[in-house]
Amino acid sequence: MEKTIKLSRVESVLEDLSYPLTRHDAAAALDGVTVLMADGNADLGEMVRNCLPSEFADATDLYYELNNAMPIEAVGEPRQSDGDA
């Protein structure tokens, strides 16, 4: 699936999948979906591969796991200082 979405739209994309769903099948279904983040982008399928569970019960389950797997660039404002000067 070739598509570019904002980070705020990830949950709606996940809701389009049929559950329960294995990590492998979810990653394959989401390959090619580029997520635009605060400072960069990432492939959604690759982020799913970095999740720990082998299966997801529903879109909410997958969404919460993705939040743990997202790179640091996913949050905040571009080039925002993290307090280190």
N, C-alpha and C. Protein backbone atom coordinates (compact mmCIF):
# COMPACT_ATOMS: atom_id res chain seq x y z
N MET A 1 0.85 -1.17 0.00
CA MET A 1 0.00 0.00 0.00
C MET A 1 0.90 1.23 0.00
N GLU A 2 0.91 1.99 -1.06
CA GLU A 2 1.70 3.22 -1.13
C GLU A 2 0.81 4.38 -0.71
N LYS A 3 1.19 5.04 0.38
CA LYS A 3 0.36 6.09 0.93
C LYS A 3 1.20 6.90 1.89
N THR A 4 0.90 8.19 2.02
CA THR A 4 1.57 9.04 2.98
C THR A 4 0.50 9.65 3.88
N ILE A 5 0.70 9.50 5.20
CA ILE A 5 -0.28 10.02 6.15
C ILE A 5 0.43 10.79 7.26
N LYS A 6 -0.32 11.65 7.92
CA LYS A 6 0.19 12.33 9.10
C LYS A 6 0.08 11.39 10.29
N LEU A 7 0.91 11.61 11.28
CA LEU A 7 0.91 10.79 12.48
C LEU A 7 -0.48 10.74 13.12
N SER A 8 -1.20 11.83 13.06
CA SER A 8 -2.53 11.89 13.66
C SER A 8 -3.56 11.00 12.95
N ARG A 9 -3.24 10.49 11.76
CA ARG A 9 -4.16 9.64 10.99
C ARG A 9 -3.84 8.15 11.11
N VAL A 10 -2.81 7.79 11.85
CA VAL A 10 -2.41 6.38 11.96
C VAL A 10 -3.55 5.52 12.47
N GLU A 11 -4.23 5.98 13.50
CA GLU A 11 -5.29 5.18 14.11
C GLU A 11 -6.39 4.83 13.11
N SER A 12 -6.75 5.76 12.24
CA SER A 12 -7.80 5.48 11.25
C SER A 12 -7.34 4.46 10.22
N VAL A 13 -6.06 4.44 9.87
CA VAL A 13 -5.52 3.44 8.95
C VAL A 13 -5.55 2.06 9.59
N LEU A 14 -5.23 2.00 10.87
CA LEU A 14 -5.24 0.72 11.58
C LEU A 14 -6.65 0.16 11.68
N GLU A 15 -7.64 1.02 11.78
CA GLU A 15 -9.03 0.57 11.89
C GLU A 15 -9.53 -0.09 10.61
N ASP A 16 -8.86 0.14 9.49
CA ASP A 16 -9.25 -0.46 8.21
C ASP A 16 -8.83 -1.92 8.09
N LEU A 17 -8.00 -2.41 9.00
CA LEU A 17 -7.52 -3.79 8.95
C LEU A 17 -8.49 -4.72 9.66
N SER A 18 -8.44 -6.00 9.32
CA SER A 18 -9.29 -7.02 9.97
C SER A 18 -8.51 -7.67 11.11
N TYR A 19 -9.14 -7.77 12.26
CA TYR A 19 -8.51 -8.32 13.46
C TYR A 19 -9.25 -9.57 13.92
N PRO A 20 -8.58 -10.46 14.68
CA PRO A 20 -7.19 -10.39 15.15
C PRO A 20 -6.22 -10.50 13.97
N LEU A 21 -5.03 -9.98 14.17
CA LEU A 21 -4.05 -9.86 13.11
C LEU A 21 -2.66 -10.13 13.67
N THR A 22 -1.89 -10.95 12.96
CA THR A 22 -0.52 -11.21 13.42
C THR A 22 0.37 -10.01 13.11
N ARG A 23 1.47 -9.90 13.83
CA ARG A 23 2.43 -8.82 13.57
C ARG A 23 2.93 -8.89 12.13
N HIS A 24 3.23 -10.10 11.66
CA HIS A 24 3.71 -10.28 10.29
C HIS A 24 2.69 -9.77 9.27
N ASP A 25 1.42 -10.16 9.43
CA ASP A 25 0.39 -9.75 8.48
C ASP A 25 0.11 -8.25 8.56
N ALA A 26 0.14 -7.70 9.76
CA ALA A 26 -0.07 -6.26 9.92
C ALA A 26 1.05 -5.47 9.25
N ALA A 27 2.29 -5.91 9.46
CA ALA A 27 3.44 -5.25 8.86
C ALA A 27 3.36 -5.31 7.34
N ALA A 28 2.99 -6.47 6.80
CA ALA A 28 2.88 -6.61 5.34
C ALA A 28 1.78 -5.70 4.79
N ALA A 29 0.66 -5.61 5.49
CA ALA A 29 -0.45 -4.77 5.04
C ALA A 29 -0.11 -3.29 5.09
N LEU A 30 0.80 -2.92 5.98
CA LEU A 30 1.12 -1.50 6.18
C LEU A 30 2.44 -1.08 5.55
N ASP A 31 3.13 -2.02 4.89
CA ASP A 31 4.34 -1.66 4.16
C ASP A 31 4.00 -0.61 3.11
N GLY A 32 4.85 0.39 3.01
CA GLY A 32 4.63 1.43 2.01
C GLY A 32 3.80 2.60 2.50
N VAL A 33 3.27 2.51 3.71
CA VAL A 33 2.56 3.63 4.29
C VAL A 33 3.59 4.48 5.03
N THR A 34 3.84 5.67 4.52
CA THR A 34 4.81 6.58 5.11
C THR A 34 4.09 7.48 6.10
N VAL A 35 4.60 7.51 7.31
CA VAL A 35 4.02 8.34 8.37
C VAL A 35 4.88 9.59 8.50
N LEU A 36 4.25 10.76 8.31
CA LEU A 36 4.94 12.03 8.48
C LEU A 36 4.92 12.39 9.96
N MET A 37 6.10 12.58 10.52
CA MET A 37 6.23 12.87 11.94
C MET A 37 6.71 14.29 12.16
N ALA A 38 6.88 14.66 13.40
CA ALA A 38 7.30 16.02 13.74
C ALA A 38 8.63 16.38 13.06
N ASP A 39 9.54 15.45 12.99
CA ASP A 39 10.85 15.73 12.40
C ASP A 39 11.35 14.51 11.65
N GLY A 40 10.69 14.20 10.55
CA GLY A 40 11.08 13.06 9.75
C GLY A 40 9.89 12.21 9.38
N ASN A 41 10.14 11.01 8.90
CA ASN A 41 9.07 10.09 8.56
C ASN A 41 9.57 8.66 8.72
N ALA A 42 8.61 7.74 8.71
CA ALA A 42 8.96 6.32 8.88
C ALA A 42 7.91 5.48 8.17
N ASP A 43 8.31 4.27 7.81
CA ASP A 43 7.40 3.32 7.19
C ASP A 43 6.59 2.63 8.29
N LEU A 44 5.27 2.67 8.17
CA LEU A 44 4.40 2.10 9.19
C LEU A 44 4.59 0.59 9.32
N GLY A 45 4.79 -0.09 8.22
CA GLY A 45 5.04 -1.53 8.27
C GLY A 45 6.29 -1.86 9.06
N GLU A 46 7.32 -1.07 8.90
CA GLU A 46 8.57 -1.28 9.64
C GLU A 46 8.36 -1.01 11.12
N MET A 47 7.58 0.00 11.45
CA MET A 47 7.30 0.27 12.86
C MET A 47 6.54 -0.89 13.50
N VAL A 48 5.62 -1.49 12.75
CA VAL A 48 4.86 -2.64 13.27
C VAL A 48 5.82 -3.81 13.52
N ARG A 49 6.79 -4.01 12.64
CA ARG A 49 7.77 -5.08 12.84
C ARG A 49 8.54 -4.91 14.14
N ASN A 50 8.67 -3.68 14.62
CA ASN A 50 9.40 -3.39 15.86
C ASN A 50 8.55 -3.57 17.11
N CYS A 51 7.28 -3.87 16.94
CA CYS A 51 6.39 -4.11 18.08
C CYS A 51 6.69 -5.50 18.67
N LEU A 52 6.49 -5.65 19.94
CA LEU A 52 6.79 -6.92 20.62
C LEU A 52 5.74 -8.01 20.45
N PRO A 53 4.44 -7.72 20.57
CA PRO A 53 3.45 -8.80 20.50
C PRO A 53 3.45 -9.48 19.13
N SER A 54 3.14 -10.74 19.11
CA SER A 54 3.06 -11.46 17.84
C SER A 54 1.67 -11.37 17.21
N GLU A 55 0.68 -10.89 17.99
CA GLU A 55 -0.68 -10.75 17.47
C GLU A 55 -1.37 -9.57 18.14
N PHE A 56 -2.28 -8.95 17.40
CA PHE A 56 -3.03 -7.80 17.90
C PHE A 56 -4.51 -8.13 17.85
N ALA A 57 -5.20 -7.87 18.95
CA ALA A 57 -6.63 -8.20 19.06
C ALA A 57 -7.51 -7.22 18.29
N ASP A 58 -7.09 -5.95 18.26
CA ASP A 58 -7.88 -4.92 17.58
C ASP A 58 -6.99 -3.72 17.26
N ALA A 59 -7.58 -2.71 16.62
CA ALA A 59 -6.82 -1.53 16.20
C ALA A 59 -6.24 -0.78 17.40
N THR A 60 -6.97 -0.73 18.48
CA THR A 60 -6.48 -0.05 19.68
C THR A 60 -5.25 -0.73 20.24
N ASP A 61 -5.27 -2.04 20.27
CA ASP A 61 -4.13 -2.83 20.73
C ASP A 61 -2.88 -2.51 19.89
N LEU A 62 -3.03 -2.53 18.58
CA LEU A 62 -1.91 -2.23 17.69
C LEU A 62 -1.45 -0.79 17.84
N TYR A 63 -2.38 0.14 17.96
CA TYR A 63 -2.04 1.55 18.11
C TYR A 63 -1.20 1.79 19.37
N TYR A 64 -1.60 1.19 20.49
CA TYR A 64 -0.83 1.36 21.72
C TYR A 64 0.57 0.76 21.59
N GLU A 65 0.68 -0.37 20.95
CA GLU A 65 2.00 -0.98 20.75
C GLU A 65 2.86 -0.13 19.83
N LEU A 66 2.25 0.48 18.82
CA LEU A 66 3.01 1.36 17.92
C LEU A 66 3.57 2.56 18.66
N ASN A 67 2.81 3.08 19.61
CA ASN A 67 3.30 4.22 20.38
C ASN A 67 4.60 3.88 21.10
N ASN A 68 4.77 2.65 21.50
CA ASN A 68 6.01 2.22 22.16
C ASN A 68 7.14 2.01 21.16
N ALA A 69 6.81 1.75 19.90
CA ALA A 69 7.82 1.45 18.89
C ALA A 69 8.21 2.67 18.05
N MET A 70 7.51 3.78 18.21
CA MET A 70 7.78 4.96 17.38
C MET A 70 9.12 5.58 17.73
N PRO A 71 9.81 6.06 16.70
CA PRO A 71 11.10 6.72 16.94
C PRO A 71 10.90 8.07 17.64
N ILE A 72 11.95 8.60 18.22
CA ILE A 72 11.89 9.87 18.94
C ILE A 72 11.40 11.01 18.05
N GLU A 73 11.65 10.92 16.74
CA GLU A 73 11.24 11.96 15.81
C GLU A 73 9.73 12.10 15.69
N ALA A 74 8.99 11.14 16.22
CA ALA A 74 7.55 11.13 16.08
C ALA A 74 6.86 12.23 16.86
N VAL A 75 7.46 12.67 17.93
CA VAL A 75 6.78 13.63 18.81
C VAL A 75 7.50 14.96 18.85
N GLY A 76 6.78 15.98 19.27
CA GLY A 76 7.37 17.30 19.43
C GLY A 76 7.34 18.10 18.15
N GLU A 77 7.93 19.25 18.23
CA GLU A 77 8.02 20.15 17.08
C GLU A 77 9.37 19.94 16.39
N PRO A 78 9.41 20.13 15.07
CA PRO A 78 10.69 19.98 14.37
C PRO A 78 11.77 20.85 14.99
N ARG A 79 12.94 20.28 15.16
CA ARG A 79 14.12 20.94 15.71
C ARG A 79 13.86 21.53 17.10
N GLN A 80 12.91 20.98 17.84
CA GLN A 80 12.59 21.44 19.19
C GLN A 80 13.71 20.99 20.13
N SER A 81 14.14 21.88 20.98
CA SER A 81 15.19 21.56 21.95
C SER A 81 14.62 20.63 23.01
N ASP A 82 15.41 19.67 23.43
CA ASP A 82 14.98 18.79 24.50
C ASP A 82 15.55 19.25 25.85
N GLY A 83 16.01 20.50 25.87
CA GLY A 83 16.51 21.07 27.10
C GLY A 83 18.02 21.11 27.20
N ASP A 84 18.71 20.39 26.34
CA ASP A 84 20.17 20.41 26.35
C ASP A 84 20.66 21.61 25.56
N ALA A 85 21.52 22.36 26.15
CA ALA A 85 22.03 23.55 25.46
C ALA A 85 23.50 23.37 25.15
